[in-house]
Amino acid sequence: MDIKQLVNKAVQYIHDSADMNINVADIAAQVHLSPSYFATMFRVITGYTVKNYVNRYRLHLAAAKLAAGDNRIIDIAFDAGFHSQESFTRSFAKVYGIPPAKFRTLRPMVEPFPPIKLLKEQQPMEMMECFKNVRLVHKSDFYVVGIEVDIHYNTGEGTAPIGGAWELWAKENINTTISDRTSENVYGITHGETPDATAKYAIAAEVSTLANLPVGLIGRKFPASEYAVFQTTLKEVLEGGFWHQFHTLWRPASGYGIHEEQFRKDWPTSTLYPNFEVYDSSFKGEDSLIKLYAPVVKR
């Protein structure tokens, strides 16, 4: 079963269990993936975090009942899996722009959720140019030194802290404070993703040792792995097109998968082996070419 089929199966479980107290681990167990890996794939394939999707589907069920009948709002809230009318009202108003009581009075048309295209099997499409000349390399254990921020995919802030980190990197000229460099390149490293759709993003330089770690900077060690190396633009990565095609088209066709540990539902994190972007001195902006390293194993 490929990743799109697994996500579709998970979505059906969410629909069937929306009135129950389900979490990411419960849903991931239905498709035999680790919570971390499942949460990442679900977000890449659907564009929603698991938490946001479950909440949005429950609100859709509630909106349909509000528009169609006169059941008590508290009963509708409980039937949709909410534990209080207050939390339901707050969530409902955030999505629909008006509180449940006013929604019932107006009885507007309820837009379908999920969008039809979410579950529709996609037609084959041509892969992006960057997937046509892929290098496969082995990278030994490596060390990096730099700065790091937290990403919270479930909040409105999302990946916004990454931009601030890059501004700090440039303003403080951090690149020049790191010794024991193995190259002049700078890495953008996403790692430590959790089932709660949080992660860490590091801007760092690769070093030969962490013995001379400057005050105020972080040091990280990552394990050896095979990497598929792509040349793409930062814009394609930021818009999500790269990762969607990587997981839905390139990986199934290439014969490569992810590390076995990342499939185990009891494994605590899916990013022992991080994805990272490599920026060289020619980088000028989102339309510039970068190298992107994705950890893989031969199936």
Protein backbone atom coordinates (compact mmCIF):
# COMPACT_ATOMS: atom_id res chain seq x y z
CA MET A 1 0.00 0.00 0.00
CA ASP A 2 1.58 3.34 -1.01
CA ILE A 3 1.58 6.43 1.15
CA LYS A 4 -1.47 7.97 -0.55
CA GLN A 5 -3.48 4.80 0.11
CA LEU A 6 -2.34 4.81 3.74
CA VAL A 7 -3.40 8.43 4.15
CA ASN A 8 -6.77 7.70 2.55
CA LYS A 9 -7.24 4.79 4.96
CA ALA A 10 -6.37 7.05 7.89
CA VAL A 11 -8.82 9.69 6.67
CA GLN A 12 -11.60 7.11 6.54
CA TYR A 13 -10.79 6.05 10.12
CA ILE A 14 -11.00 9.70 11.21
CA HIS A 15 -14.41 10.03 9.55
CA ASP A 16 -15.67 6.84 11.19
CA SER A 17 -14.33 7.82 14.63
CA ALA A 18 -14.85 11.58 14.70
CA ASP A 19 -17.14 11.40 17.74
CA MET A 20 -14.50 9.51 19.75
CA ASN A 21 -11.47 10.81 21.64
CA ILE A 22 -8.86 9.89 19.02
CA ASN A 23 -5.32 11.24 18.74
CA VAL A 24 -2.42 11.02 16.30
CA ALA A 25 -1.12 7.78 17.83
CA ASP A 26 -4.53 6.10 17.49
CA ILE A 27 -4.80 7.08 13.82
CA ALA A 28 -1.20 6.17 13.00
CA ALA A 29 -1.72 2.72 14.54
CA GLN A 30 -4.45 2.03 11.97
CA VAL A 31 -1.88 2.24 9.17
CA HIS A 32 1.05 0.79 11.15
CA LEU A 33 3.27 3.87 11.01
CA SER A 34 5.05 5.75 13.75
CA PRO A 35 3.05 8.75 14.96
CA SER A 36 5.85 11.12 13.93
CA TYR A 37 6.24 9.75 10.42
CA PHE A 38 2.50 9.50 9.91
CA ALA A 39 1.94 13.09 11.08
CA THR A 40 4.58 14.34 8.65
CA MET A 41 3.23 12.37 5.69
CA PHE A 42 -0.36 13.37 6.44
CA ARG A 43 0.60 17.04 6.39
CA VAL A 44 2.60 16.68 3.17
CA ILE A 45 -0.12 14.76 1.31
CA THR A 46 -3.25 16.61 2.50
CA GLY A 47 -1.97 20.07 3.41
CA TYR A 48 -3.50 19.71 6.91
CA THR A 49 -1.93 18.68 10.18
CA VAL A 50 -3.70 15.68 11.72
CA LYS A 51 -5.03 17.80 14.59
CA ASN A 52 -6.36 20.48 12.25
CA TYR A 53 -7.97 17.93 9.94
CA VAL A 54 -9.78 16.12 12.79
CA ASN A 55 -10.99 19.42 14.21
CA ARG A 56 -12.08 20.71 10.81
CA TYR A 57 -14.01 17.52 10.01
CA ARG A 58 -15.80 17.60 13.37
CA LEU A 59 -16.81 21.21 12.77
CA HIS A 60 -18.14 20.27 9.33
CA LEU A 61 -20.35 17.58 10.88
CA ALA A 62 -21.61 20.09 13.43
CA ALA A 63 -22.29 22.75 10.78
CA ALA A 64 -24.36 20.29 8.76
CA LYS A 65 -26.48 19.46 11.82
CA LEU A 66 -26.90 23.13 12.72
CA ALA A 67 -28.12 23.93 9.21
CA ALA A 68 -30.46 20.94 9.02
CA GLY A 69 -32.22 20.76 12.38
CA ASP A 70 -32.99 22.14 15.82
CA ASN A 71 -30.97 19.89 18.12
CA ARG A 72 -29.47 21.64 21.13
CA ILE A 73 -26.07 23.15 20.40
CA ILE A 74 -24.54 21.40 23.40
CA ASP A 75 -25.73 18.04 22.05
CA ILE A 76 -24.32 18.81 18.60
CA ALA A 77 -21.01 19.78 20.19
CA PHE A 78 -20.78 16.52 22.13
CA ASP A 79 -21.83 14.45 19.10
CA ALA A 80 -19.02 16.08 17.10
CA GLY A 81 -16.41 15.08 19.69
CA PHE A 82 -16.06 18.36 21.60
CA HIS A 83 -15.95 18.26 25.40
CA SER A 84 -17.62 21.59 26.10
CA GLN A 85 -19.89 24.07 24.36
CA GLU A 86 -17.35 26.81 25.05
CA SER A 87 -14.51 25.08 23.16
CA PHE A 88 -16.92 24.14 20.37
CA THR A 89 -18.19 27.73 20.00
CA ARG A 90 -14.66 29.13 19.96
CA SER A 91 -13.47 26.63 17.31
CA PHE A 92 -16.63 27.00 15.23
CA ALA A 93 -16.45 30.80 15.10
CA LYS A 94 -12.78 30.64 14.13
CA VAL A 95 -13.54 28.46 11.07
CA TYR A 96 -16.97 29.75 10.00
CA GLY A 97 -16.65 33.37 11.10
CA ILE A 98 -19.85 33.38 13.22
CA PRO A 99 -20.95 31.51 16.38
CA PRO A 100 -23.07 28.34 16.10
CA ALA A 101 -26.31 30.03 17.21
CA LYS A 102 -26.11 32.66 14.47
CA PHE A 103 -25.07 30.02 11.93
CA ARG A 104 -28.25 28.10 12.75
CA THR A 105 -30.37 31.22 12.30
CA LEU A 106 -28.83 32.05 8.91
CA ARG A 107 -28.68 28.41 7.76
CA PRO A 108 -26.07 29.05 5.05
CA MET A 109 -24.99 26.40 2.58
CA VAL A 110 -22.40 24.11 4.20
CA GLU A 111 -19.36 23.65 2.00
CA PRO A 112 -18.22 20.01 1.73
CA PHE A 113 -15.31 18.85 3.82
CA PRO A 114 -12.94 17.34 3.05
CA PRO A 115 -12.50 18.90 -0.38
CA ILE A 116 -13.29 16.32 -3.04
CA LYS A 117 -9.75 16.46 -4.43
CA LEU A 118 -8.29 15.44 -1.05
CA LEU A 119 -9.48 11.84 -1.40
CA LYS A 120 -9.60 11.63 -5.17
CA GLU A 121 -6.81 9.51 -6.61
CA GLN A 122 -4.54 11.86 -8.51
CA GLN A 123 -3.81 11.28 -12.18
CA PRO A 124 -0.17 10.57 -13.04
CA MET A 125 1.75 13.77 -13.62
CA GLU A 126 5.16 14.56 -14.99
CA MET A 127 7.77 14.84 -12.29
CA MET A 128 9.50 18.14 -11.72
CA GLU A 129 12.76 18.64 -13.53
CA CYS A 130 14.71 18.26 -10.28
CA PHE A 131 13.74 14.56 -10.05
CA LYS A 132 15.34 13.65 -13.38
CA ASN A 133 19.00 13.95 -12.32
CA VAL A 134 19.19 12.64 -8.79
CA ARG A 135 22.49 11.77 -7.10
CA LEU A 136 22.67 9.10 -4.43
CA VAL A 137 25.44 9.59 -1.87
CA HIS A 138 26.49 8.12 1.44
CA LYS A 139 27.04 10.67 4.18
CA SER A 140 28.84 9.58 7.34
CA ASP A 141 27.96 10.82 10.82
CA PHE A 142 28.21 14.58 10.75
CA TYR A 143 28.27 17.51 13.15
CA VAL A 144 26.78 20.98 12.72
CA VAL A 145 26.95 24.20 14.72
CA GLY A 146 24.48 27.08 14.44
CA ILE A 147 21.16 28.40 15.71
CA GLU A 148 17.81 26.67 16.06
CA VAL A 149 14.12 27.57 16.29
CA ASP A 150 10.95 25.64 17.08
CA ILE A 151 8.30 25.11 14.39
CA HIS A 152 4.65 24.59 15.34
CA TYR A 153 2.69 23.43 12.28
CA ASN A 154 -0.59 23.43 14.27
CA THR A 155 -0.50 27.16 14.97
CA GLY A 156 -0.98 30.20 12.79
CA GLU A 157 2.69 31.02 13.22
CA GLY A 158 3.71 27.76 11.53
CA THR A 159 7.15 28.03 9.99
CA ALA A 160 7.38 31.83 10.42
CA PRO A 161 10.21 31.56 13.00
CA ILE A 162 12.48 30.24 10.23
CA GLY A 163 12.48 33.63 8.51
CA GLY A 164 13.41 35.35 11.75
CA ALA A 165 16.25 32.89 12.31
CA TRP A 166 17.71 33.62 8.88
CA GLU A 167 17.52 37.36 9.60
CA LEU A 168 19.37 36.82 12.89
CA TRP A 169 21.97 34.65 11.14
CA ALA A 170 22.71 37.45 8.69
CA LYS A 171 22.45 40.36 11.16
CA GLU A 172 24.81 38.80 13.71
CA ASN A 173 27.11 37.46 10.99
CA ILE A 174 27.02 34.11 12.78
CA ASN A 175 28.57 32.35 9.80
CA THR A 176 31.95 33.90 10.61
CA THR A 177 31.97 32.86 14.28
CA ILE A 178 32.07 29.10 13.64
CA SER A 179 35.45 27.36 13.57
CA ASP A 180 36.41 23.86 12.39
CA ARG A 181 34.23 24.27 9.27
CA THR A 182 34.34 21.50 6.66
CA SER A 183 33.04 23.85 3.91
CA GLU A 184 31.69 27.34 3.37
CA ASN A 185 28.15 26.03 2.74
CA VAL A 186 25.27 26.74 5.12
CA TYR A 187 22.63 24.12 5.95
CA GLY A 188 18.93 24.54 6.68
CA ILE A 189 18.06 21.40 8.68
CA THR A 190 14.56 20.22 9.66
CA HIS A 191 14.69 17.62 12.41
CA GLY A 192 12.99 16.38 15.56
CA GLU A 193 9.45 16.26 14.15
CA THR A 194 6.87 15.01 16.66
CA PRO A 195 3.37 13.52 16.43
CA ASP A 196 2.06 16.91 17.64
CA ALA A 197 3.32 18.50 14.39
CA THR A 198 6.19 20.37 15.95
CA ALA A 199 9.80 20.29 14.78
CA LYS A 200 13.10 22.10 14.99
CA TYR A 201 14.82 24.00 12.22
CA ALA A 202 18.54 24.65 12.45
CA ILE A 203 20.63 27.05 10.40
CA ALA A 204 24.12 25.69 10.70
CA ALA A 205 27.53 24.97 9.26
CA GLU A 206 29.04 21.49 9.14
CA VAL A 207 32.08 21.13 11.39
CA SER A 208 34.66 18.44 12.09
CA THR A 209 34.18 18.58 15.87
CA LEU A 210 31.89 20.05 18.52
CA ALA A 211 34.83 20.66 20.86
CA ASN A 212 34.98 24.38 20.04
CA LEU A 213 31.29 25.25 20.27
CA PRO A 214 30.86 29.06 20.44
CA VAL A 215 28.83 30.46 23.36
CA GLY A 216 25.17 30.85 22.43
CA LEU A 217 25.18 28.42 19.53
CA ILE A 218 23.91 24.83 19.40
CA GLY A 219 25.77 21.73 18.26
CA ARG A 220 24.09 18.68 16.77
CA LYS A 221 25.26 15.25 15.61
CA PHE A 222 23.32 13.31 12.97
CA PRO A 223 23.85 9.64 12.04
CA ALA A 224 25.18 8.25 8.77
CA SER A 225 22.71 7.65 5.98
CA GLU A 226 22.28 7.28 2.26
CA TYR A 227 20.90 10.50 0.80
CA ALA A 228 19.11 11.30 -2.42
CA VAL A 229 20.43 14.70 -3.51
CA PHE A 230 18.26 16.98 -5.63
CA GLN A 231 18.90 20.34 -7.23
CA THR A 232 15.80 22.49 -6.90
CA THR A 233 14.77 26.01 -5.96
CA LEU A 234 13.88 27.22 -2.51
CA LYS A 235 10.55 28.42 -3.91
CA GLU A 236 9.55 24.87 -4.93
CA VAL A 237 10.39 23.63 -1.44
CA LEU A 238 8.48 26.42 0.33
CA GLU A 239 5.38 25.96 -1.83
CA GLY A 240 5.22 22.26 -0.96
CA GLY A 241 5.47 20.96 -4.51
CA PHE A 242 8.84 19.32 -4.01
CA TRP A 243 7.96 17.21 -0.96
CA HIS A 244 4.56 16.22 -2.32
CA GLN A 245 6.13 14.84 -5.50
CA PHE A 246 9.02 13.32 -3.56
CA HIS A 247 6.72 11.17 -1.42
CA THR A 248 3.94 10.42 -3.90
CA LEU A 249 5.84 10.03 -7.17
CA TRP A 250 9.62 9.81 -6.88
CA ARG A 251 9.94 7.44 -3.92
CA PRO A 252 7.48 4.81 -5.23
CA ALA A 253 9.10 4.89 -8.68
CA SER A 254 12.71 4.95 -7.47
CA GLY A 255 12.74 1.84 -5.32
CA TYR A 256 13.91 3.84 -2.32
CA GLY A 257 12.14 4.19 1.01
CA ILE A 258 12.82 5.69 4.39
CA HIS A 259 14.76 4.13 7.24
CA GLU A 260 13.06 1.10 8.76
CA GLU A 261 12.95 2.75 12.18
CA GLN A 262 10.69 5.44 10.81
CA PHE A 263 7.96 2.90 10.06
CA ARG A 264 7.83 1.47 13.57
CA LYS A 265 4.85 2.85 15.43
CA ASP A 266 6.74 2.68 18.74
CA TRP A 267 9.67 4.75 17.42
CA PRO A 268 9.72 8.13 19.17
CA THR A 269 10.77 10.37 16.29
CA SER A 270 10.86 10.21 12.52
CA THR A 271 13.80 12.52 12.08
CA LEU A 272 16.88 10.80 13.41
CA TYR A 273 17.89 11.29 9.78
CA PRO A 274 17.10 14.90 8.84
CA ASN A 275 16.26 16.54 5.57
CA PHE A 276 18.54 19.46 4.87
CA GLU A 277 19.00 22.23 2.34
CA VAL A 278 22.48 23.29 1.25
CA TYR A 279 23.08 26.95 0.42
CA ASP A 280 26.33 27.96 -1.27
CA SER A 281 27.78 31.41 -1.91
CA SER A 282 25.75 31.84 -5.13
CA PHE A 283 22.40 31.78 -3.29
CA LYS A 284 20.49 35.05 -3.80
CA GLY A 285 16.82 34.30 -3.09
CA GLU A 286 13.86 31.92 -3.54
CA ASP A 287 14.49 31.43 -7.25
CA SER A 288 18.12 30.39 -6.67
CA LEU A 289 19.10 26.76 -7.00
CA ILE A 290 19.88 24.84 -3.83
CA LYS A 291 20.79 21.23 -3.11
CA LEU A 292 18.33 19.27 -1.02
CA TYR A 293 19.38 16.09 0.82
CA ALA A 294 16.67 13.54 1.67
CA PRO A 295 17.61 10.43 3.69
CA VAL A 296 16.67 7.17 1.93
CA VAL A 297 17.32 3.43 1.98
CA LYS A 298 17.12 0.93 -0.88
CA ARG A 299 14.01 -1.23 -0.58
